[in-house]
Amino acid sequence: MARVHKLANTSGTDLETAWLEPRWYVLFVRSNQEKRVAQHLSSRSIEHFLPTYPLISQWRDRKVKLLKPLFPGYVFIKLFLADRLKALLVPNVVNLVGTKNSLSVISDEEIEWVRRGVEHGGAKPHACLNAGEVVIIKTGTLAGMEGILLRAQNSTRVLVQLNSISRAFTVEVDSNWVEPTRPELRRTSSSLSDCA
């Protein structure tokens, strides 16, 4: 599962590191404004990441291929904590994800998981969070990614959850590439039927 780091109640060294090193945070943005926010962040030279996936939409007279946000309402940004105001002043940004005293920090490893999921795993959003067997992908470009095993017909899907924003995405992998992280966390497959 994704690990969320909070900046509250940390030692002086951790807090000092938070101010001296850029970290990944999550912006909560207005509905359907993710791409505009990403454009504004680019123009302000703020490092950001807006994961998208292709979606074929049927319009009245034709089919159109769209790039939709993997996590609607969210854009990842990397900056120094002291520079957060630069991102908060971007039009259509609501706030940084976290509490008043504790911003959620996303690890570089988690951002890399999402990047690899989008590039190599055919990542798609997944709203169902019913629990299955906790697994780790042991082979391929997605190796090291942890998630919940979902089975849909003939393909194996792994649900990867980012707890800090209560969102998840699925990736499709070969069934031989997946192994349980801890056998004692196995759950019944009946709970997976709703998620297929």
N, C-alpha and C. Protein backbone atom coordinates (compact mmCIF):
# COMPACT_ATOMS: atom_id res chain seq x y z
N MET A 1 0.83 -1.18 0.00
CA MET A 1 0.00 0.00 0.00
C MET A 1 0.88 1.24 0.00
N ALA A 2 0.33 2.29 -0.47
CA ALA A 2 1.07 3.54 -0.52
C ALA A 2 1.32 4.03 0.89
N ARG A 3 2.48 4.60 1.07
CA ARG A 3 2.83 5.13 2.37
C ARG A 3 2.68 6.64 2.34
N VAL A 4 1.98 7.20 3.33
CA VAL A 4 1.76 8.63 3.40
C VAL A 4 2.58 9.17 4.55
N HIS A 5 3.29 10.23 4.27
CA HIS A 5 4.13 10.83 5.29
C HIS A 5 3.49 12.15 5.69
N LYS A 6 3.38 12.41 6.97
CA LYS A 6 2.81 13.65 7.46
C LYS A 6 3.94 14.49 8.05
N LEU A 7 3.78 15.81 7.95
CA LEU A 7 4.81 16.71 8.45
C LEU A 7 4.55 17.21 9.86
N ALA A 8 3.46 16.82 10.48
CA ALA A 8 3.18 17.26 11.84
C ALA A 8 3.86 16.33 12.84
N ASN A 9 4.12 16.85 14.00
CA ASN A 9 4.71 16.08 15.10
C ASN A 9 5.99 15.36 14.68
N THR A 10 6.81 16.03 13.93
CA THR A 10 8.07 15.45 13.51
C THR A 10 9.20 16.07 14.31
N SER A 11 10.32 15.39 14.30
CA SER A 11 11.48 15.93 15.01
C SER A 11 12.00 17.15 14.26
N GLY A 12 12.86 17.91 14.91
CA GLY A 12 13.44 19.10 14.30
C GLY A 12 14.18 18.78 13.02
N THR A 13 14.89 17.66 12.98
CA THR A 13 15.64 17.27 11.79
C THR A 13 14.70 16.99 10.62
N ASP A 14 13.58 16.27 10.87
CA ASP A 14 12.62 15.97 9.81
C ASP A 14 11.98 17.24 9.27
N LEU A 15 11.61 18.15 10.17
CA LEU A 15 10.98 19.38 9.74
C LEU A 15 11.97 20.24 8.95
N GLU A 16 13.23 20.26 9.39
CA GLU A 16 14.26 21.00 8.68
C GLU A 16 14.45 20.43 7.27
N THR A 17 14.44 19.10 7.15
CA THR A 17 14.55 18.45 5.85
C THR A 17 13.39 18.84 4.96
N ALA A 18 12.19 18.93 5.53
CA ALA A 18 11.00 19.30 4.76
C ALA A 18 11.14 20.69 4.16
N TRP A 19 11.83 21.57 4.84
CA TRP A 19 12.01 22.93 4.34
C TRP A 19 13.19 23.03 3.37
N LEU A 20 14.17 22.14 3.51
CA LEU A 20 15.38 22.25 2.70
C LEU A 20 15.37 21.39 1.44
N GLU A 21 14.50 20.39 1.37
CA GLU A 21 14.43 19.51 0.21
C GLU A 21 13.06 19.59 -0.42
N PRO A 22 13.00 19.66 -1.75
CA PRO A 22 11.67 19.64 -2.38
C PRO A 22 11.04 18.26 -2.21
N ARG A 23 9.75 18.24 -1.99
CA ARG A 23 9.01 17.00 -1.82
C ARG A 23 7.75 17.05 -2.66
N TRP A 24 7.17 15.88 -2.88
CA TRP A 24 5.92 15.78 -3.64
C TRP A 24 4.74 16.00 -2.71
N TYR A 25 3.87 16.93 -3.11
CA TYR A 25 2.62 17.20 -2.41
C TYR A 25 1.49 17.02 -3.42
N VAL A 26 0.26 17.11 -2.94
CA VAL A 26 -0.89 16.93 -3.81
C VAL A 26 -1.78 18.17 -3.73
N LEU A 27 -2.06 18.75 -4.90
CA LEU A 27 -2.99 19.86 -4.99
C LEU A 27 -4.39 19.32 -5.23
N PHE A 28 -5.35 19.84 -4.51
CA PHE A 28 -6.76 19.57 -4.79
C PHE A 28 -7.25 20.73 -5.64
N VAL A 29 -7.79 20.42 -6.83
CA VAL A 29 -8.18 21.46 -7.78
C VAL A 29 -9.66 21.36 -8.10
N ARG A 30 -10.20 22.43 -8.67
CA ARG A 30 -11.62 22.43 -9.05
C ARG A 30 -11.90 21.38 -10.11
N SER A 31 -13.13 20.92 -10.15
CA SER A 31 -13.55 19.88 -11.07
C SER A 31 -13.26 20.23 -12.53
N ASN A 32 -12.68 19.29 -13.24
CA ASN A 32 -12.35 19.42 -14.66
C ASN A 32 -11.34 20.53 -14.97
N GLN A 33 -10.55 20.92 -14.02
CA GLN A 33 -9.56 21.98 -14.23
C GLN A 33 -8.12 21.47 -14.10
N GLU A 34 -7.93 20.17 -14.06
CA GLU A 34 -6.60 19.60 -13.84
C GLU A 34 -5.61 20.04 -14.92
N LYS A 35 -6.02 19.99 -16.19
CA LYS A 35 -5.11 20.34 -17.29
C LYS A 35 -4.77 21.83 -17.28
N ARG A 36 -5.74 22.68 -16.97
CA ARG A 36 -5.47 24.12 -16.89
C ARG A 36 -4.50 24.41 -15.75
N VAL A 37 -4.71 23.76 -14.62
CA VAL A 37 -3.80 23.96 -13.48
C VAL A 37 -2.40 23.52 -13.88
N ALA A 38 -2.28 22.36 -14.56
CA ALA A 38 -0.96 21.88 -15.00
C ALA A 38 -0.29 22.89 -15.93
N GLN A 39 -1.06 23.52 -16.82
CA GLN A 39 -0.50 24.54 -17.71
C GLN A 39 0.01 25.74 -16.92
N HIS A 40 -0.77 26.18 -15.93
CA HIS A 40 -0.33 27.30 -15.09
C HIS A 40 0.93 26.93 -14.29
N LEU A 41 0.98 25.71 -13.79
CA LEU A 41 2.17 25.27 -13.04
C LEU A 41 3.39 25.27 -13.96
N SER A 42 3.23 24.82 -15.19
CA SER A 42 4.34 24.84 -16.16
C SER A 42 4.81 26.26 -16.40
N SER A 43 3.88 27.17 -16.60
CA SER A 43 4.27 28.57 -16.88
C SER A 43 4.97 29.22 -15.70
N ARG A 44 4.74 28.69 -14.50
CA ARG A 44 5.41 29.21 -13.30
C ARG A 44 6.62 28.38 -12.89
N SER A 45 7.01 27.46 -13.76
CA SER A 45 8.18 26.60 -13.53
C SER A 45 8.08 25.79 -12.24
N ILE A 46 6.88 25.32 -11.94
CA ILE A 46 6.67 24.46 -10.78
C ILE A 46 6.61 23.03 -11.29
N GLU A 47 7.49 22.17 -10.78
CA GLU A 47 7.49 20.77 -11.20
C GLU A 47 6.17 20.12 -10.78
N HIS A 48 5.54 19.44 -11.72
CA HIS A 48 4.25 18.82 -11.44
C HIS A 48 4.10 17.54 -12.24
N PHE A 49 3.07 16.78 -11.87
CA PHE A 49 2.79 15.52 -12.55
C PHE A 49 1.28 15.34 -12.56
N LEU A 50 0.71 15.26 -13.76
CA LEU A 50 -0.72 15.01 -13.94
C LEU A 50 -0.86 13.70 -14.70
N PRO A 51 -1.00 12.57 -13.99
CA PRO A 51 -1.14 11.29 -14.69
C PRO A 51 -2.48 11.22 -15.42
N THR A 52 -2.44 10.75 -16.67
CA THR A 52 -3.65 10.64 -17.48
C THR A 52 -3.73 9.26 -18.10
N TYR A 53 -4.91 8.92 -18.59
CA TYR A 53 -5.11 7.67 -19.31
C TYR A 53 -6.02 7.96 -20.51
N PRO A 54 -5.87 7.20 -21.59
CA PRO A 54 -6.70 7.44 -22.78
C PRO A 54 -8.10 6.86 -22.59
N LEU A 55 -9.08 7.59 -23.09
CA LEU A 55 -10.47 7.15 -23.02
C LEU A 55 -11.13 7.48 -24.35
N ILE A 56 -11.77 6.50 -24.97
CA ILE A 56 -12.51 6.72 -26.20
C ILE A 56 -13.93 7.13 -25.82
N SER A 57 -14.32 8.30 -26.26
CA SER A 57 -15.64 8.82 -25.94
C SER A 57 -16.47 8.91 -27.22
N GLN A 58 -17.71 8.45 -27.13
CA GLN A 58 -18.61 8.51 -28.29
C GLN A 58 -19.36 9.83 -28.28
N TRP A 59 -19.02 10.69 -29.24
CA TRP A 59 -19.76 11.92 -29.40
C TRP A 59 -20.89 11.64 -30.38
N ARG A 60 -21.72 12.61 -30.61
CA ARG A 60 -22.87 12.42 -31.46
C ARG A 60 -22.50 11.91 -32.85
N ASP A 61 -21.46 12.49 -33.45
CA ASP A 61 -21.11 12.14 -34.83
C ASP A 61 -19.81 11.36 -34.99
N ARG A 62 -19.06 11.17 -33.92
CA ARG A 62 -17.77 10.49 -34.05
C ARG A 62 -17.26 10.03 -32.69
N LYS A 63 -16.23 9.18 -32.75
CA LYS A 63 -15.54 8.76 -31.54
C LYS A 63 -14.31 9.64 -31.38
N VAL A 64 -14.05 10.04 -30.14
CA VAL A 64 -12.94 10.93 -29.84
C VAL A 64 -12.08 10.29 -28.76
N LYS A 65 -10.76 10.33 -28.96
CA LYS A 65 -9.83 9.83 -27.95
C LYS A 65 -9.45 11.00 -27.04
N LEU A 66 -9.76 10.85 -25.77
CA LEU A 66 -9.47 11.89 -24.78
C LEU A 66 -8.42 11.39 -23.79
N LEU A 67 -7.67 12.32 -23.23
CA LEU A 67 -6.78 12.00 -22.11
C LEU A 67 -7.44 12.52 -20.85
N LYS A 68 -7.84 11.59 -20.00
CA LYS A 68 -8.54 11.94 -18.77
C LYS A 68 -7.58 11.81 -17.58
N PRO A 69 -7.75 12.66 -16.56
CA PRO A 69 -6.91 12.54 -15.36
C PRO A 69 -7.15 11.21 -14.66
N LEU A 70 -6.07 10.55 -14.27
CA LEU A 70 -6.17 9.29 -13.54
C LEU A 70 -6.80 9.52 -12.16
N PHE A 71 -6.49 10.65 -11.55
CA PHE A 71 -7.05 11.02 -10.25
C PHE A 71 -7.78 12.35 -10.40
N PRO A 72 -9.06 12.32 -10.79
CA PRO A 72 -9.78 13.58 -11.00
C PRO A 72 -9.75 14.45 -9.75
N GLY A 73 -9.42 15.73 -9.98
CA GLY A 73 -9.39 16.69 -8.88
C GLY A 73 -8.04 16.84 -8.21
N TYR A 74 -7.02 16.10 -8.70
CA TYR A 74 -5.72 16.14 -8.05
C TYR A 74 -4.58 16.32 -9.05
N VAL A 75 -3.58 17.11 -8.65
CA VAL A 75 -2.35 17.28 -9.42
C VAL A 75 -1.20 17.19 -8.43
N PHE A 76 -0.20 16.40 -8.76
CA PHE A 76 0.97 16.26 -7.89
C PHE A 76 1.96 17.39 -8.20
N ILE A 77 2.55 17.96 -7.17
CA ILE A 77 3.56 19.00 -7.35
C ILE A 77 4.78 18.68 -6.50
N LYS A 78 5.94 19.11 -6.98
CA LYS A 78 7.17 18.93 -6.21
C LYS A 78 7.79 20.29 -6.00
N LEU A 79 7.90 20.66 -4.73
CA LEU A 79 8.49 21.95 -4.41
C LEU A 79 8.96 21.98 -2.96
N PHE A 80 9.66 23.06 -2.63
CA PHE A 80 10.05 23.28 -1.24
C PHE A 80 8.80 23.70 -0.47
N LEU A 81 8.67 23.27 0.75
CA LEU A 81 7.51 23.60 1.56
C LEU A 81 7.33 25.12 1.65
N ALA A 82 8.42 25.85 1.72
CA ALA A 82 8.36 27.31 1.81
C ALA A 82 7.77 27.94 0.55
N ASP A 83 7.80 27.23 -0.58
CA ASP A 83 7.30 27.77 -1.85
C ASP A 83 5.86 27.37 -2.13
N ARG A 84 5.17 26.80 -1.17
CA ARG A 84 3.82 26.29 -1.43
C ARG A 84 2.84 27.38 -1.86
N LEU A 85 3.08 28.62 -1.46
CA LEU A 85 2.18 29.70 -1.84
C LEU A 85 2.15 29.92 -3.35
N LYS A 86 3.31 29.66 -4.02
CA LYS A 86 3.34 29.79 -5.48
C LYS A 86 2.32 28.87 -6.13
N ALA A 87 2.16 27.68 -5.60
CA ALA A 87 1.19 26.73 -6.16
C ALA A 87 -0.23 27.07 -5.73
N LEU A 88 -0.41 27.54 -4.51
CA LEU A 88 -1.75 27.83 -4.01
C LEU A 88 -2.39 29.03 -4.70
N LEU A 89 -1.57 29.90 -5.30
CA LEU A 89 -2.09 31.07 -6.00
C LEU A 89 -2.45 30.80 -7.45
N VAL A 90 -2.23 29.58 -7.91
CA VAL A 90 -2.59 29.20 -9.28
C VAL A 90 -4.12 29.17 -9.38
N PRO A 91 -4.68 29.76 -10.45
CA PRO A 91 -6.14 29.71 -10.61
C PRO A 91 -6.67 28.28 -10.58
N ASN A 92 -7.83 28.10 -9.97
CA ASN A 92 -8.55 26.82 -9.86
C ASN A 92 -7.94 25.84 -8.86
N VAL A 93 -6.93 26.24 -8.12
CA VAL A 93 -6.39 25.40 -7.04
C VAL A 93 -7.20 25.69 -5.79
N VAL A 94 -7.67 24.62 -5.15
CA VAL A 94 -8.46 24.77 -3.93
C VAL A 94 -7.55 24.77 -2.70
N ASN A 95 -6.68 23.76 -2.61
CA ASN A 95 -5.82 23.65 -1.43
C ASN A 95 -4.81 22.53 -1.64
N LEU A 96 -3.88 22.42 -0.70
CA LEU A 96 -2.99 21.27 -0.64
C LEU A 96 -3.68 20.19 0.19
N VAL A 97 -3.51 18.94 -0.18
CA VAL A 97 -4.13 17.83 0.54
C VAL A 97 -3.41 17.63 1.87
N GLY A 98 -4.17 17.45 2.90
CA GLY A 98 -3.66 17.25 4.25
C GLY A 98 -4.54 18.00 5.23
N THR A 99 -4.09 18.07 6.45
CA THR A 99 -4.82 18.83 7.45
C THR A 99 -4.17 20.19 7.62
N LYS A 100 -4.77 21.02 8.44
CA LYS A 100 -4.24 22.37 8.67
C LYS A 100 -2.79 22.34 9.15
N ASN A 101 -2.47 21.38 10.00
CA ASN A 101 -1.13 21.30 10.58
C ASN A 101 -0.26 20.21 9.98
N SER A 102 -0.78 19.48 9.01
CA SER A 102 -0.05 18.33 8.51
C SER A 102 -0.36 18.08 7.04
N LEU A 103 0.54 18.50 6.16
CA LEU A 103 0.36 18.26 4.73
C LEU A 103 0.78 16.83 4.39
N SER A 104 0.06 16.23 3.45
CA SER A 104 0.42 14.88 3.00
C SER A 104 1.59 14.97 2.03
N VAL A 105 2.59 14.15 2.27
CA VAL A 105 3.77 14.08 1.41
C VAL A 105 3.74 12.74 0.69
N ILE A 106 3.91 12.78 -0.63
CA ILE A 106 3.96 11.56 -1.43
C ILE A 106 5.43 11.25 -1.69
N SER A 107 5.82 10.01 -1.49
CA SER A 107 7.22 9.64 -1.68
C SER A 107 7.57 9.59 -3.17
N ASP A 108 8.85 9.76 -3.46
CA ASP A 108 9.33 9.65 -4.84
C ASP A 108 9.00 8.27 -5.40
N GLU A 109 9.05 7.25 -4.55
CA GLU A 109 8.75 5.89 -4.96
C GLU A 109 7.31 5.76 -5.44
N GLU A 110 6.37 6.38 -4.72
CA GLU A 110 4.97 6.32 -5.12
C GLU A 110 4.73 7.04 -6.44
N ILE A 111 5.36 8.19 -6.62
CA ILE A 111 5.24 8.92 -7.88
C ILE A 111 5.77 8.06 -9.02
N GLU A 112 6.88 7.38 -8.78
CA GLU A 112 7.44 6.50 -9.80
C GLU A 112 6.50 5.34 -10.10
N TRP A 113 5.82 4.81 -9.08
CA TRP A 113 4.84 3.74 -9.30
C TRP A 113 3.74 4.23 -10.26
N VAL A 114 3.24 5.43 -10.00
CA VAL A 114 2.17 5.97 -10.84
C VAL A 114 2.70 6.17 -12.26
N ARG A 115 3.90 6.75 -12.40
CA ARG A 115 4.49 6.96 -13.73
C ARG A 115 4.61 5.64 -14.49
N ARG A 116 5.15 4.63 -13.82
CA ARG A 116 5.31 3.33 -14.49
C ARG A 116 3.96 2.69 -14.78
N GLY A 117 3.00 2.85 -13.89
CA GLY A 117 1.66 2.32 -14.12
C GLY A 117 1.02 2.93 -15.34
N VAL A 118 1.20 4.24 -15.52
CA VAL A 118 0.63 4.93 -16.67
C VAL A 118 1.37 4.52 -17.95
N GLU A 119 2.69 4.50 -17.90
CA GLU A 119 3.48 4.22 -19.10
C GLU A 119 3.46 2.76 -19.52
N HIS A 120 3.49 1.83 -18.57
CA HIS A 120 3.67 0.42 -18.91
C HIS A 120 2.54 -0.50 -18.49
N GLY A 121 1.66 -0.05 -17.61
CA GLY A 121 0.66 -0.96 -17.08
C GLY A 121 -0.76 -0.67 -17.50
N GLY A 122 -0.94 0.29 -18.41
CA GLY A 122 -2.29 0.63 -18.83
C GLY A 122 -3.15 1.07 -17.66
N ALA A 123 -2.59 1.92 -16.80
CA ALA A 123 -3.30 2.36 -15.59
C ALA A 123 -4.63 3.00 -15.94
N LYS A 124 -5.65 2.66 -15.16
CA LYS A 124 -6.99 3.23 -15.30
C LYS A 124 -7.50 3.49 -13.89
N PRO A 125 -8.36 4.49 -13.74
CA PRO A 125 -8.89 4.75 -12.39
C PRO A 125 -9.74 3.60 -11.91
N HIS A 126 -9.80 3.45 -10.63
CA HIS A 126 -10.57 2.37 -10.04
C HIS A 126 -11.23 2.89 -8.78
N ALA A 127 -12.54 2.93 -8.77
CA ALA A 127 -13.27 3.50 -7.64
C ALA A 127 -13.51 2.47 -6.54
N CYS A 128 -13.64 1.20 -6.90
CA CYS A 128 -13.94 0.16 -5.92
C CYS A 128 -12.72 -0.14 -5.06
N LEU A 129 -12.87 -0.09 -3.76
CA LEU A 129 -11.75 -0.33 -2.87
C LEU A 129 -11.97 -1.56 -2.00
N ASN A 130 -12.76 -2.53 -2.52
CA ASN A 130 -12.92 -3.78 -1.78
C ASN A 130 -11.58 -4.48 -1.68
N ALA A 131 -11.26 -4.99 -0.53
CA ALA A 131 -9.95 -5.57 -0.29
C ALA A 131 -9.85 -6.98 -0.83
N GLY A 132 -8.69 -7.32 -1.36
CA GLY A 132 -8.37 -8.68 -1.79
C GLY A 132 -7.03 -9.05 -1.20
N GLU A 133 -6.32 -9.88 -1.88
CA GLU A 133 -5.00 -10.31 -1.42
C GLU A 133 -3.98 -9.21 -1.68
N VAL A 134 -3.21 -8.86 -0.66
CA VAL A 134 -2.17 -7.85 -0.82
C VAL A 134 -0.98 -8.50 -1.52
N VAL A 135 -0.57 -7.88 -2.65
CA VAL A 135 0.48 -8.49 -3.47
C VAL A 135 1.55 -7.48 -3.82
N ILE A 136 2.66 -8.00 -4.31
CA ILE A 136 3.73 -7.18 -4.84
C ILE A 136 4.03 -7.69 -6.25
N ILE A 137 4.27 -6.76 -7.16
CA ILE A 137 4.65 -7.14 -8.52
C ILE A 137 6.15 -7.38 -8.48
N LYS A 138 6.56 -8.59 -8.87
CA LYS A 138 7.96 -8.98 -8.69
C LYS A 138 8.78 -8.91 -9.97
N THR A 139 8.15 -8.73 -11.14
CA THR A 139 8.85 -8.77 -12.42
C THR A 139 8.36 -7.64 -13.32
N GLY A 140 9.20 -7.24 -14.26
CA GLY A 140 8.81 -6.25 -15.25
C GLY A 140 9.05 -4.83 -14.80
N THR A 141 8.57 -3.88 -15.61
CA THR A 141 8.82 -2.47 -15.33
C THR A 141 8.07 -1.98 -14.10
N LEU A 142 7.07 -2.71 -13.65
CA LEU A 142 6.30 -2.32 -12.47
C LEU A 142 6.79 -3.02 -11.20
N ALA A 143 7.93 -3.70 -11.28
CA ALA A 143 8.46 -4.45 -10.15
C ALA A 143 8.60 -3.56 -8.93
N GLY A 144 8.17 -4.09 -7.78
CA GLY A 144 8.26 -3.37 -6.51
C GLY A 144 6.97 -2.68 -6.12
N MET A 145 6.04 -2.54 -7.06
CA MET A 145 4.77 -1.89 -6.77
C MET A 145 3.90 -2.84 -5.95
N GLU A 146 3.31 -2.32 -4.89
CA GLU A 146 2.43 -3.11 -4.04
C GLU A 146 1.00 -2.70 -4.28
N GLY A 147 0.09 -3.64 -4.09
CA GLY A 147 -1.32 -3.31 -4.25
C GLY A 147 -2.20 -4.47 -3.83
N ILE A 148 -3.46 -4.38 -4.22
CA ILE A 148 -4.44 -5.41 -3.91
C ILE A 148 -4.75 -6.15 -5.20
N LEU A 149 -4.73 -7.44 -5.13
CA LEU A 149 -4.97 -8.26 -6.31
C LEU A 149 -6.44 -8.28 -6.67
N LEU A 150 -6.74 -7.98 -7.93
CA LEU A 150 -8.09 -8.07 -8.48
C LEU A 150 -8.00 -8.97 -9.71
N ARG A 151 -9.00 -9.80 -9.92
CA ARG A 151 -9.02 -10.64 -11.12
C ARG A 151 -10.25 -10.26 -11.93
N ALA A 152 -10.02 -9.94 -13.19
CA ALA A 152 -11.12 -9.60 -14.09
C ALA A 152 -11.02 -10.49 -15.32
N GLN A 153 -11.91 -11.45 -15.42
CA GLN A 153 -11.95 -12.40 -16.53
C GLN A 153 -10.58 -13.07 -16.69
N ASN A 154 -9.92 -12.89 -17.83
CA ASN A 154 -8.67 -13.61 -18.08
C ASN A 154 -7.42 -12.82 -17.72
N SER A 155 -7.57 -11.57 -17.32
CA SER A 155 -6.38 -10.77 -17.01
C SER A 155 -6.24 -10.61 -15.50
N THR A 156 -5.03 -10.33 -15.08
CA THR A 156 -4.76 -10.08 -13.67
C THR A 156 -4.61 -8.59 -13.49
N ARG A 157 -5.34 -8.04 -12.56
CA ARG A 157 -5.25 -6.62 -12.28
C ARG A 157 -4.78 -6.41 -10.86
N VAL A 158 -3.98 -5.38 -10.67
CA VAL A 158 -3.52 -5.02 -9.34
C VAL A 158 -4.00 -3.61 -9.06
N LEU A 159 -4.68 -3.44 -7.95
CA LEU A 159 -5.17 -2.14 -7.51
C LEU A 159 -4.09 -1.49 -6.65
N VAL A 160 -3.63 -0.32 -7.05
CA VAL A 160 -2.62 0.42 -6.29
C VAL A 160 -3.32 1.62 -5.67
N GLN A 161 -3.23 1.73 -4.37
CA GLN A 161 -3.97 2.76 -3.65
C GLN A 161 -3.02 3.82 -3.11
N LEU A 162 -3.40 5.10 -3.30
CA LEU A 162 -2.68 6.22 -2.69
C LEU A 162 -3.55 6.72 -1.55
N ASN A 163 -3.20 6.35 -0.34
CA ASN A 163 -4.03 6.66 0.81
C ASN A 163 -4.17 8.15 1.06
N SER A 164 -3.16 8.94 0.71
CA SER A 164 -3.19 10.36 1.03
C SER A 164 -4.31 11.10 0.33
N ILE A 165 -4.73 10.59 -0.85
CA ILE A 165 -5.82 11.25 -1.56
C ILE A 165 -7.02 10.32 -1.71
N SER A 166 -7.01 9.20 -1.03
CA SER A 166 -8.11 8.22 -1.06
C SER A 166 -8.51 7.87 -2.48
N ARG A 167 -7.53 7.63 -3.32
CA ARG A 167 -7.77 7.25 -4.71
C ARG A 167 -6.93 6.03 -5.04
N ALA A 168 -7.32 5.36 -6.12
CA ALA A 168 -6.61 4.16 -6.53
C ALA A 168 -6.61 4.07 -8.05
N PHE A 169 -5.71 3.25 -8.58
CA PHE A 169 -5.69 2.96 -10.00
C PHE A 169 -5.33 1.51 -10.18
N THR A 170 -5.69 0.94 -11.33
CA THR A 170 -5.38 -0.45 -11.58
C THR A 170 -4.37 -0.57 -12.69
N VAL A 171 -3.56 -1.61 -12.63
CA VAL A 171 -2.63 -1.95 -13.70
C VAL A 171 -2.85 -3.41 -14.04
N GLU A 172 -2.64 -3.74 -15.31
CA GLU A 172 -2.77 -5.13 -15.74
C GLU A 172 -1.38 -5.72 -15.90
N VAL A 173 -1.19 -6.89 -15.32
CA VAL A 173 0.10 -7.57 -15.37
C VAL A 173 -0.12 -9.05 -15.60
N ASP A 174 0.93 -9.74 -15.99
CA ASP A 174 0.89 -11.19 -16.14
C ASP A 174 0.74 -11.80 -14.75
N SER A 175 -0.10 -12.81 -14.64
CA SER A 175 -0.35 -13.42 -13.32
C SER A 175 0.90 -14.02 -12.70
N ASN A 176 1.89 -14.40 -13.51
CA ASN A 176 3.14 -14.95 -12.98
C ASN A 176 4.03 -13.88 -12.34
N TRP A 177 3.73 -12.63 -12.57
CA TRP A 177 4.55 -11.53 -12.06
C TRP A 177 4.16 -11.10 -10.65
N VAL A 178 3.08 -11.67 -10.11
CA VAL A 178 2.53 -11.22 -8.84
C VAL A 178 2.71 -12.28 -7.77
N GLU A 179 3.07 -11.84 -6.57
CA GLU A 179 3.14 -12.77 -5.44
C GLU A 179 2.63 -12.06 -4.20
N PRO A 180 2.09 -12.81 -3.24
CA PRO A 180 1.57 -12.18 -2.02
C PRO A 180 2.71 -11.57 -1.20
N THR A 181 2.44 -10.42 -0.60
CA THR A 181 3.45 -9.80 0.25
C THR A 181 3.53 -10.54 1.58
N ARG A 182 2.35 -10.85 2.13
CA ARG A 182 2.30 -11.61 3.38
C ARG A 182 1.12 -12.56 3.29
N PRO A 183 1.38 -13.85 3.29
CA PRO A 183 0.28 -14.82 3.15
C PRO A 183 -0.82 -14.66 4.18
N GLU A 184 -0.51 -14.15 5.36
CA GLU A 184 -1.53 -14.03 6.40
C GLU A 184 -2.56 -12.94 6.09
N LEU A 185 -2.28 -12.08 5.07
CA LEU A 185 -3.22 -11.04 4.71
C LEU A 185 -4.20 -11.47 3.62
N ARG A 186 -4.18 -12.73 3.25
CA ARG A 186 -5.09 -13.21 2.20
C ARG A 186 -6.53 -13.07 2.67
N ARG A 187 -7.38 -12.67 1.73
CA ARG A 187 -8.79 -12.54 2.01
C ARG A 187 -9.56 -13.39 1.02
N THR A 188 -10.82 -13.58 1.25
CA THR A 188 -11.61 -14.42 0.37
C THR A 188 -11.82 -13.75 -0.97
N SER A 189 -11.87 -14.57 -2.03
CA SER A 189 -12.05 -14.02 -3.36
C SER A 189 -13.47 -13.53 -3.59
N SER A 190 -14.43 -13.89 -2.73
CA SER A 190 -15.81 -13.43 -2.91
C SER A 190 -15.92 -11.92 -2.80
N SER A 191 -15.04 -11.29 -2.02
CA SER A 191 -15.09 -9.83 -1.88
C SER A 191 -14.57 -9.13 -3.13
N LEU A 192 -13.93 -9.87 -4.04
CA LEU A 192 -13.39 -9.27 -5.25
C LEU A 192 -14.40 -9.20 -6.37
N SER A 193 -15.49 -9.91 -6.29
CA SER A 193 -16.42 -9.98 -7.40
C SER A 193 -17.01 -8.60 -7.74
N ASP A 194 -17.16 -7.74 -6.77
CA ASP A 194 -17.72 -6.42 -7.01
C ASP A 194 -16.73 -5.51 -7.73
N CYS A 195 -15.45 -5.81 -7.69
CA CYS A 195 -14.42 -4.94 -8.24
C CYS A 195 -13.98 -5.31 -9.63
N ALA A 196 -14.38 -6.43 -10.16
CA ALA A 196 -13.86 -6.92 -11.43
C ALA A 196 -14.09 -5.98 -12.57
